[in-house]
């Protein structure tokens, strides 16, 4: 999958956790990429926007 042009971002809640966080790229049409912030050249998990939205909706503190 071509993720050229992905704009990776981390949550503002991830600061101060020792670098244990993920980065998300949700600017590409039809896909959301997720990767380990400590390994930006490593593997990327790819989700459809609906699946990602359903996952995020279940996270604590999102109500």
C-alpha atoms as a PDB file:
ATOM      1  CA  UNK A   1       0.000   0.000   0.000  1.00  0.00           C
ATOM      2  CA  UNK A   2       1.306   3.398  -0.975  1.00  0.00           C
ATOM      3  CA  UNK A   3       1.298   5.736   2.007  1.00  0.00           C
ATOM      4  CA  UNK A   4       3.194   8.497   0.225  1.00  0.00           C
ATOM      5  CA  UNK A   5       1.815  11.803   1.425  1.00  0.00           C
ATOM      6  CA  UNK A   6       0.685  10.452   4.786  1.00  0.00           C
ATOM      7  CA  UNK A   7       0.733  13.116   7.502  1.00  0.00           C
ATOM      8  CA  UNK A   8       1.557  11.302  10.718  1.00  0.00           C
ATOM      9  CA  UNK A   9       0.444  12.715  14.057  1.00  0.00           C
ATOM     10  CA  UNK A  10       0.429  11.633  17.675  1.00  0.00           C
ATOM     11  CA  UNK A  11      -2.193  12.330  20.303  1.00  0.00           C
ATOM     12  CA  UNK A  12      -1.694  15.381  22.483  1.00  0.00           C
ATOM     13  CA  UNK A  13      -2.251  12.967  25.385  1.00  0.00           C
ATOM     14  CA  UNK A  14       0.854  10.966  24.482  1.00  0.00           C
ATOM     15  CA  UNK A  15       3.426  13.458  25.786  1.00  0.00           C
ATOM     16  CA  UNK A  16       5.288  12.390  28.896  1.00  0.00           C
ATOM     17  CA  UNK A  17       4.756   8.663  28.427  1.00  0.00           C
ATOM     18  CA  UNK A  18       8.334   7.774  27.603  1.00  0.00           C
ATOM     19  CA  UNK A  19       7.738   7.598  23.861  1.00  0.00           C
ATOM     20  CA  UNK A  20       5.325   4.674  24.027  1.00  0.00           C
ATOM     21  CA  UNK A  21       2.718   5.874  21.554  1.00  0.00           C
ATOM     22  CA  UNK A  22       1.386   5.383  18.081  1.00  0.00           C
ATOM     23  CA  UNK A  23       1.110   7.745  15.155  1.00  0.00           C
ATOM     24  CA  UNK A  24      -1.957   7.960  12.963  1.00  0.00           C
ATOM     25  CA  UNK A  25      -2.282   9.164   9.375  1.00  0.00           C
ATOM     26  CA  UNK A  26      -5.898   9.845   8.468  1.00  0.00           C
ATOM     27  CA  UNK A  27      -5.404  12.232   5.568  1.00  0.00           C
ATOM     28  CA  UNK A  28      -5.332   9.627   2.776  1.00  0.00           C
ATOM     29  CA  UNK A  29      -8.487   8.683   0.878  1.00  0.00           C
ATOM     30  CA  UNK A  30     -10.025   5.409   2.045  1.00  0.00           C
ATOM     31  CA  UNK A  31      -7.367   4.368   4.577  1.00  0.00           C
ATOM     32  CA  UNK A  32      -6.097   5.172   8.065  1.00  0.00           C
ATOM     33  CA  UNK A  33      -2.509   4.190   8.842  1.00  0.00           C
ATOM     34  CA  UNK A  34      -1.233   3.418  12.335  1.00  0.00           C
ATOM     35  CA  UNK A  35       2.429   2.920  13.255  1.00  0.00           C
ATOM     36  CA  UNK A  36       4.765   2.800  16.246  1.00  0.00           C
ATOM     37  CA  UNK A  37       6.204   6.251  16.840  1.00  0.00           C
ATOM     38  CA  UNK A  38       9.546   4.715  17.864  1.00  0.00           C
ATOM     39  CA  UNK A  39       9.844   2.884  14.509  1.00  0.00           C
ATOM     40  CA  UNK A  40       8.631   5.252  11.785  1.00  0.00           C
ATOM     41  CA  UNK A  41      10.120   3.113   9.013  1.00  0.00           C
ATOM     42  CA  UNK A  42       8.636  -0.087  10.429  1.00  0.00           C
ATOM     43  CA  UNK A  43       5.355  -1.807   9.647  1.00  0.00           C
ATOM     44  CA  UNK A  44       2.076   0.069   9.349  1.00  0.00           C
ATOM     45  CA  UNK A  45      -1.375  -1.236  10.198  1.00  0.00           C
ATOM     46  CA  UNK A  46      -4.018  -0.057   7.736  1.00  0.00           C
ATOM     47  CA  UNK A  47      -7.712   0.313   8.542  1.00  0.00           C
ATOM     48  CA  UNK A  48     -10.737   1.514   6.666  1.00  0.00           C
ATOM     49  CA  UNK A  49     -12.131   4.823   7.924  1.00  0.00           C
ATOM     50  CA  UNK A  50     -15.339   3.221   9.269  1.00  0.00           C
ATOM     51  CA  UNK A  51     -13.398   0.572  11.200  1.00  0.00           C
ATOM     52  CA  UNK A  52     -11.027   3.159  12.634  1.00  0.00           C
ATOM     53  CA  UNK A  53     -13.919   5.422  13.609  1.00  0.00           C
ATOM     54  CA  UNK A  54     -15.665   2.530  15.387  1.00  0.00           C
ATOM     55  CA  UNK A  55     -12.455   1.723  17.289  1.00  0.00           C
ATOM     56  CA  UNK A  56     -11.845   5.319  18.361  1.00  0.00           C
ATOM     57  CA  UNK A  57     -15.476   5.705  19.446  1.00  0.00           C
ATOM     58  CA  UNK A  58     -14.917   2.935  22.007  1.00  0.00           C
ATOM     59  CA  UNK A  59     -11.884   4.536  23.667  1.00  0.00           C
ATOM     60  CA  UNK A  60     -12.299   5.833  27.217  1.00  0.00           C
ATOM     61  CA  UNK A  61     -12.702   9.578  27.513  1.00  0.00           C
ATOM     62  CA  UNK A  62     -14.269   9.985  24.077  1.00  0.00           C
ATOM     63  CA  UNK A  63     -17.818  10.732  25.310  1.00  0.00           C
END
